[in-house]
N, C-alpha and C. Protein backbone atom coordinates (compact mmCIF):
# COMPACT_ATOMS: atom_id res chain seq x y z
N MET A 1 -15.07 33.60 -4.59
CA MET A 1 -13.94 32.76 -5.35
C MET A 1 -13.01 31.93 -4.47
N ARG A 2 -12.69 32.73 -3.39
CA ARG A 2 -11.68 32.02 -2.44
C ARG A 2 -12.04 30.89 -1.61
N ILE A 3 -13.48 31.16 -1.26
CA ILE A 3 -14.12 30.01 -0.41
C ILE A 3 -14.21 28.82 -1.24
N THR A 4 -14.88 28.89 -2.68
CA THR A 4 -14.81 27.85 -3.43
C THR A 4 -13.55 27.15 -3.78
N SER A 5 -12.53 28.01 -3.93
CA SER A 5 -11.23 27.24 -4.11
C SER A 5 -10.72 26.41 -2.86
N CYS A 6 -11.02 26.90 -1.72
CA CYS A 6 -10.77 26.22 -0.51
C CYS A 6 -11.73 24.85 -0.56
N ALA A 7 -12.97 24.95 -0.83
CA ALA A 7 -13.70 23.90 -0.86
C ALA A 7 -13.33 22.98 -1.63
N ILE A 8 -12.90 23.19 -2.96
CA ILE A 8 -12.28 22.11 -3.87
C ILE A 8 -11.13 21.43 -3.29
N ALA A 9 -10.15 22.35 -2.72
CA ALA A 9 -9.07 21.64 -2.04
C ALA A 9 -9.28 20.81 -1.19
N ALA A 10 -10.35 21.16 -0.06
CA ALA A 10 -10.73 20.31 0.82
C ALA A 10 -11.14 18.95 0.36
N ALA A 11 -12.10 18.97 -0.58
CA ALA A 11 -12.70 18.08 -1.20
C ALA A 11 -11.65 16.95 -1.90
N ALA A 12 -10.53 17.63 -2.57
CA ALA A 12 -9.35 16.90 -3.31
C ALA A 12 -8.62 15.99 -2.07
N MET A 13 -8.34 16.67 -1.02
CA MET A 13 -7.45 16.34 0.16
C MET A 13 -8.45 14.91 0.66
N PHE A 14 -9.97 15.13 0.92
CA PHE A 14 -10.60 13.85 1.23
C PHE A 14 -10.47 12.79 0.50
N ALA A 15 -10.48 13.03 -0.83
CA ALA A 15 -10.71 12.09 -1.89
C ALA A 15 -9.27 11.49 -1.96
N ALA A 16 -8.28 12.11 -1.87
CA ALA A 16 -7.00 11.49 -1.67
C ALA A 16 -6.73 10.76 -0.68
N THR A 17 -7.25 11.15 0.39
CA THR A 17 -7.09 10.33 1.61
C THR A 17 -7.84 8.92 1.69
N ALA A 18 -8.95 9.03 1.06
CA ALA A 18 -9.73 7.71 1.04
C ALA A 18 -9.08 6.79 -0.07
N ALA A 19 -8.42 7.27 -1.18
CA ALA A 19 -7.66 6.52 -1.92
C ALA A 19 -6.48 5.85 -1.52
N SER A 20 -5.83 6.76 -0.83
CA SER A 20 -4.68 6.15 -0.06
C SER A 20 -4.85 5.40 1.05
N ALA A 21 -5.99 5.15 1.50
CA ALA A 21 -6.34 4.34 2.90
C ALA A 21 -6.50 3.04 2.42
N GLN A 22 -6.30 2.50 1.33
CA GLN A 22 -6.55 1.26 0.93
C GLN A 22 -5.40 0.52 1.41
N MET A 23 -5.64 -0.68 2.00
CA MET A 23 -4.72 -1.44 2.89
C MET A 23 -4.58 -2.80 2.46
N ILE A 24 -3.62 -3.67 2.53
CA ILE A 24 -3.68 -5.17 2.11
C ILE A 24 -4.76 -5.71 3.08
N ASN A 25 -5.04 -6.92 2.66
CA ASN A 25 -5.89 -7.66 3.40
C ASN A 25 -5.30 -8.32 4.43
N LEU A 26 -5.31 -7.92 5.71
CA LEU A 26 -4.92 -8.72 7.03
C LEU A 26 -5.77 -9.75 7.55
N THR A 27 -6.66 -10.15 6.78
CA THR A 27 -7.43 -11.37 7.33
C THR A 27 -6.52 -12.66 7.52
N GLY A 28 -6.56 -13.30 8.57
CA GLY A 28 -6.03 -14.38 8.91
C GLY A 28 -5.52 -14.78 10.13
N THR A 29 -4.93 -15.92 10.42
CA THR A 29 -4.43 -16.34 11.71
C THR A 29 -2.97 -15.92 11.82
N TYR A 30 -2.67 -15.61 13.21
CA TYR A 30 -1.43 -15.15 13.46
C TYR A 30 -0.70 -15.83 14.63
N ARG A 31 0.48 -15.97 14.83
CA ARG A 31 1.09 -16.55 16.02
C ARG A 31 1.90 -15.45 16.94
N CYS A 32 1.63 -15.39 18.10
CA CYS A 32 2.17 -14.13 18.74
C CYS A 32 3.62 -14.91 19.17
N ILE A 33 4.62 -13.99 18.83
CA ILE A 33 5.94 -14.52 18.81
C ILE A 33 6.66 -13.77 19.89
N GLU A 34 6.19 -12.43 20.57
CA GLU A 34 7.06 -11.87 21.31
C GLU A 34 5.82 -10.90 22.13
N GLY A 35 6.13 -10.53 23.57
CA GLY A 35 5.07 -9.77 24.42
C GLY A 35 3.89 -10.26 24.39
N CYS A 36 3.74 -11.73 24.55
CA CYS A 36 2.44 -12.26 24.45
C CYS A 36 1.59 -11.99 25.79
N ARG A 37 0.42 -12.29 25.68
CA ARG A 37 -0.49 -12.30 26.87
C ARG A 37 -0.71 -13.64 27.34
N ALA A 38 -0.58 -14.67 26.39
CA ALA A 38 -0.74 -15.87 26.81
C ALA A 38 0.63 -16.63 26.36
N ALA A 39 0.74 -17.89 26.39
CA ALA A 39 2.19 -18.59 25.95
C ALA A 39 2.54 -18.23 24.56
N PRO A 40 3.72 -17.92 24.34
CA PRO A 40 4.35 -17.59 23.14
C PRO A 40 4.12 -18.72 22.02
N GLY A 41 3.65 -18.23 20.93
CA GLY A 41 3.08 -19.31 20.02
C GLY A 41 1.75 -19.44 19.87
N SER A 42 1.00 -18.85 20.87
CA SER A 42 -0.42 -18.88 20.84
C SER A 42 -1.18 -18.17 19.54
N LEU A 43 -2.24 -18.50 19.16
CA LEU A 43 -2.95 -18.11 17.88
C LEU A 43 -3.57 -16.68 18.20
N ALA A 44 -3.64 -15.71 17.35
CA ALA A 44 -4.46 -14.58 17.17
C ALA A 44 -4.87 -14.44 16.00
N PHE A 45 -6.10 -13.68 15.85
CA PHE A 45 -7.02 -13.65 14.71
C PHE A 45 -7.22 -12.24 14.10
N VAL A 46 -7.31 -11.96 12.80
CA VAL A 46 -7.77 -10.71 12.33
C VAL A 46 -8.71 -10.94 11.10
N THR A 47 -9.62 -10.42 11.32
CA THR A 47 -10.75 -10.52 10.38
C THR A 47 -10.90 -8.95 9.98
N GLN A 48 -11.05 -8.77 8.50
CA GLN A 48 -10.92 -7.30 7.83
C GLN A 48 -12.24 -7.43 6.93
N ASN A 49 -12.99 -6.42 7.00
CA ASN A 49 -13.98 -6.08 6.16
C ASN A 49 -14.03 -4.40 5.50
N GLY A 50 -13.20 -4.27 4.41
CA GLY A 50 -12.84 -2.92 4.12
C GLY A 50 -11.98 -2.57 5.15
N PRO A 51 -12.00 -1.17 5.40
CA PRO A 51 -11.09 -0.61 6.28
C PRO A 51 -11.22 -1.12 7.96
N ASN A 52 -12.48 -1.67 8.15
CA ASN A 52 -12.92 -2.22 9.53
C ASN A 52 -11.95 -3.62 9.87
N LEU A 53 -11.44 -3.63 11.05
CA LEU A 53 -10.80 -4.89 11.50
C LEU A 53 -11.46 -5.30 12.81
N ASN A 54 -11.49 -6.71 12.99
CA ASN A 54 -11.94 -7.36 14.28
C ASN A 54 -10.81 -8.06 14.64
N LEU A 55 -9.89 -8.02 15.86
CA LEU A 55 -8.83 -8.42 16.26
C LEU A 55 -9.19 -9.40 17.45
N VAL A 56 -8.40 -10.62 17.66
CA VAL A 56 -8.62 -11.42 18.90
C VAL A 56 -7.29 -11.70 19.02
N ASN A 57 -6.89 -11.28 20.41
CA ASN A 57 -5.31 -11.58 20.76
C ASN A 57 -5.40 -13.06 21.10
N GLU A 58 -3.96 -13.23 21.44
CA GLU A 58 -3.41 -14.71 21.91
C GLU A 58 -4.25 -14.98 23.32
N ALA A 59 -4.62 -14.04 23.89
CA ALA A 59 -5.52 -14.44 25.37
C ALA A 59 -6.90 -14.47 25.00
N GLY A 60 -7.37 -14.32 23.69
CA GLY A 60 -8.92 -14.43 23.54
C GLY A 60 -9.55 -13.17 23.57
N GLN A 61 -8.90 -12.06 23.87
CA GLN A 61 -9.62 -10.70 24.07
C GLN A 61 -10.08 -10.16 22.66
N PRO A 62 -11.13 -9.67 22.47
CA PRO A 62 -11.42 -9.22 21.11
C PRO A 62 -11.09 -7.65 21.08
N SER A 63 -10.91 -6.89 20.16
CA SER A 63 -11.15 -5.42 19.79
C SER A 63 -11.51 -5.24 18.45
N ARG A 64 -12.09 -4.02 18.22
CA ARG A 64 -12.24 -3.42 16.86
C ARG A 64 -10.94 -2.41 16.67
N ALA A 65 -10.64 -2.57 15.41
CA ALA A 65 -9.64 -1.81 14.97
C ALA A 65 -9.83 -1.19 13.50
N TRP A 66 -9.02 -0.13 13.33
CA TRP A 66 -9.20 0.55 12.04
C TRP A 66 -7.66 1.19 11.53
N PRO A 67 -7.74 1.61 10.19
CA PRO A 67 -6.31 2.35 9.88
C PRO A 67 -6.16 3.44 10.66
N ASP A 68 -4.97 3.80 11.08
CA ASP A 68 -4.62 5.13 11.82
C ASP A 68 -4.82 6.25 10.75
N ALA A 69 -5.65 7.15 11.20
CA ALA A 69 -5.93 8.33 10.23
C ALA A 69 -4.53 9.16 9.67
N LEU A 70 -3.38 9.09 10.43
CA LEU A 70 -2.12 9.65 10.11
C LEU A 70 -1.30 8.69 9.21
N ALA A 71 -1.60 7.34 9.27
CA ALA A 71 -0.78 6.56 8.56
C ALA A 71 -1.59 5.19 8.14
N PRO A 72 -2.56 5.60 7.01
CA PRO A 72 -3.70 4.70 7.00
C PRO A 72 -2.99 3.31 6.34
N THR A 73 -1.84 3.54 5.67
CA THR A 73 -1.38 2.32 4.68
C THR A 73 -0.56 1.52 5.59
N SER A 74 0.01 1.72 6.78
CA SER A 74 0.72 0.83 7.51
C SER A 74 0.58 0.57 8.97
N LYS A 75 -0.69 1.33 9.52
CA LYS A 75 -0.60 1.45 10.88
C LYS A 75 -2.24 1.26 11.16
N ILE A 76 -2.27 0.50 12.26
CA ILE A 76 -3.75 0.31 12.79
C ILE A 76 -3.99 0.76 14.07
N TRP A 77 -5.29 1.10 14.56
CA TRP A 77 -5.46 1.37 15.89
C TRP A 77 -6.40 0.32 16.57
N ALA A 78 -6.24 -0.33 17.72
CA ALA A 78 -7.06 -1.26 18.19
C ALA A 78 -7.67 -0.62 19.52
N ASP A 79 -9.12 -0.41 19.27
CA ASP A 79 -9.75 0.67 20.02
C ASP A 79 -9.77 0.07 21.73
N ASP A 80 -9.97 -1.04 21.78
CA ASP A 80 -10.40 -1.68 22.99
C ASP A 80 -9.07 -1.82 23.83
N TRP A 81 -8.09 -2.18 23.01
CA TRP A 81 -6.87 -2.39 23.85
C TRP A 81 -6.04 -1.07 23.90
N ASN A 82 -6.33 -0.12 23.15
CA ASN A 82 -5.88 1.30 23.42
C ASN A 82 -4.30 1.06 23.02
N VAL A 83 -4.16 0.63 21.81
CA VAL A 83 -2.69 0.46 21.33
C VAL A 83 -2.88 0.55 19.82
N ALA A 84 -1.53 0.89 19.33
CA ALA A 84 -1.49 0.93 17.74
C ALA A 84 -0.64 -0.02 17.29
N GLY A 85 -0.84 -0.66 16.05
CA GLY A 85 0.16 -1.72 15.53
C GLY A 85 0.53 -1.10 14.24
N VAL A 86 1.86 -1.52 13.95
CA VAL A 86 2.39 -1.28 12.28
C VAL A 86 2.39 -2.68 11.81
N TYR A 87 2.01 -2.93 10.69
CA TYR A 87 1.97 -4.03 9.76
C TYR A 87 2.98 -3.92 8.74
N SER A 88 3.66 -4.99 8.53
CA SER A 88 4.61 -4.90 7.41
C SER A 88 4.09 -4.80 5.92
N PRO A 89 4.56 -4.32 5.12
CA PRO A 89 3.95 -4.12 3.75
C PRO A 89 3.52 -5.46 2.99
N ASP A 90 3.71 -6.49 3.38
CA ASP A 90 3.48 -7.83 2.87
C ASP A 90 2.24 -8.47 3.73
N GLY A 91 1.89 -7.74 5.08
CA GLY A 91 0.87 -8.25 5.95
C GLY A 91 1.43 -9.37 6.75
N MET A 92 2.70 -9.82 6.66
CA MET A 92 3.23 -11.03 7.48
C MET A 92 3.22 -10.82 8.81
N THR A 93 3.48 -9.50 9.40
CA THR A 93 3.81 -9.34 10.72
C THR A 93 3.19 -8.02 11.19
N ILE A 94 2.68 -8.11 12.36
CA ILE A 94 1.96 -6.95 12.87
C ILE A 94 2.88 -6.56 14.28
N GLN A 95 3.19 -5.46 14.51
CA GLN A 95 4.17 -5.30 15.59
C GLN A 95 3.24 -4.26 16.49
N PHE A 96 2.92 -4.32 17.58
CA PHE A 96 2.26 -3.39 18.49
C PHE A 96 2.92 -2.40 19.12
N ASP A 97 2.55 -1.35 19.71
CA ASP A 97 3.35 -0.39 20.27
C ASP A 97 3.55 -0.98 22.05
N ASN A 98 3.04 -1.78 22.34
CA ASN A 98 2.99 -2.33 23.62
C ASN A 98 4.27 -3.47 23.57
N GLY A 99 4.88 -3.89 22.43
CA GLY A 99 5.76 -4.84 22.38
C GLY A 99 5.34 -6.11 21.87
N THR A 100 4.15 -6.27 21.59
CA THR A 100 3.45 -7.49 21.13
C THR A 100 3.86 -7.61 19.58
N ILE A 101 4.31 -8.74 19.32
CA ILE A 101 4.40 -9.06 17.70
C ILE A 101 3.80 -10.23 17.45
N TRP A 102 2.96 -10.32 16.20
CA TRP A 102 2.27 -11.19 15.65
C TRP A 102 2.99 -11.67 14.41
N GLN A 103 2.89 -12.80 14.04
CA GLN A 103 3.36 -13.24 12.74
C GLN A 103 2.37 -13.94 12.13
N ARG A 104 1.97 -13.94 10.82
CA ARG A 104 1.17 -14.57 9.99
C ARG A 104 1.48 -16.27 10.16
N ASP A 105 0.45 -17.00 10.45
CA ASP A 105 0.55 -18.29 10.68
C ASP A 105 0.19 -18.96 9.21
N MET A 106 1.27 -19.67 8.60
CA MET A 106 0.94 -20.26 7.46
C MET A 106 0.55 -21.66 7.28
N GLY A 107 0.37 -22.08 8.47
CA GLY A 107 -0.12 -23.55 8.51
C GLY A 107 0.97 -24.48 8.80
N PRO A 108 0.66 -25.67 8.88
CA PRO A 108 1.56 -26.82 9.03
C PRO A 108 2.36 -26.93 7.25
N PRO A 109 3.75 -27.28 7.45
CA PRO A 109 4.18 -27.52 6.27
C PRO A 109 3.57 -28.74 5.54
N PRO A 110 3.61 -28.79 4.11
CA PRO A 110 3.22 -30.02 3.54
C PRO A 110 3.93 -31.26 3.82
N PRO A 111 3.25 -32.29 3.89
CA PRO A 111 4.11 -33.58 4.31
C PRO A 111 5.25 -33.90 3.25
N LEU A 112 6.03 -34.60 3.64
CA LEU A 112 7.17 -34.87 2.75
C LEU A 112 6.69 -36.03 1.81
N ARG A 113 6.94 -36.05 0.58
CA ARG A 113 6.63 -37.11 -0.28
C ARG A 113 7.57 -38.11 -0.26
N THR A 114 7.09 -39.57 -0.20
CA THR A 114 7.76 -40.67 0.10
C THR A 114 8.08 -40.92 -1.41
N VAL A 115 9.17 -41.21 -2.01
CA VAL A 115 9.52 -41.85 -3.20
C VAL A 115 10.08 -43.36 -2.98
N ARG A 116 9.61 -44.13 -3.54
CA ARG A 116 10.14 -45.55 -3.54
C ARG A 116 10.90 -46.01 -4.89
N VAL A 117 11.86 -46.43 -4.81
CA VAL A 117 12.73 -46.72 -5.89
C VAL A 117 12.81 -48.19 -5.98
N ARG A 118 12.49 -48.86 -7.04
CA ARG A 118 12.60 -50.23 -7.16
C ARG A 118 13.97 -50.76 -7.72
N ARG A 119 14.31 -51.67 -7.01
CA ARG A 119 15.36 -51.96 -7.53
C ARG A 119 15.60 -53.31 -8.46
N GLN A 120 16.16 -53.24 -9.45
CA GLN A 120 16.02 -54.41 -10.53
C GLN A 120 17.20 -55.41 -10.33
N ALA A 121 16.85 -56.53 -10.51
CA ALA A 121 17.80 -57.73 -10.31
C ALA A 121 19.19 -57.39 -11.14
N ALA A 122 20.36 -57.90 -10.60
CA ALA A 122 21.45 -57.61 -11.26
C ALA A 122 21.39 -58.20 -12.59
N LEU A 123 21.84 -57.60 -13.72
CA LEU A 123 21.98 -58.09 -14.99
C LEU A 123 23.02 -59.31 -14.95
N ARG A 124 22.67 -60.49 -15.67
CA ARG A 124 23.24 -61.60 -15.69
C ARG A 124 24.09 -61.90 -16.86
């Protein structure tokens, strides 16, 4: 009986961990704004497929990454770089333990719209 209840508790723990491991989609282009391996403002890329991530830093170096087991909803582990990163709740910023900070690149702002105003001749 005791072994059965331990097995049920363990299964519940794994199920809860899998459910809580859902994270926001980090796929996108980022700009390195601090601690960059290349020039500040260089582009970095994240591609996410479920919990698995592929990262390419601003120097063009790739790494596989996945959610950190201890903090799956806020932290990732980049295996090839041997560094952890914490992402903001909205996914706009990733800050790595080595001091590198990436900010999501939203692209150029939309062009300004030119409005032409016609002047009417003065009333006579």
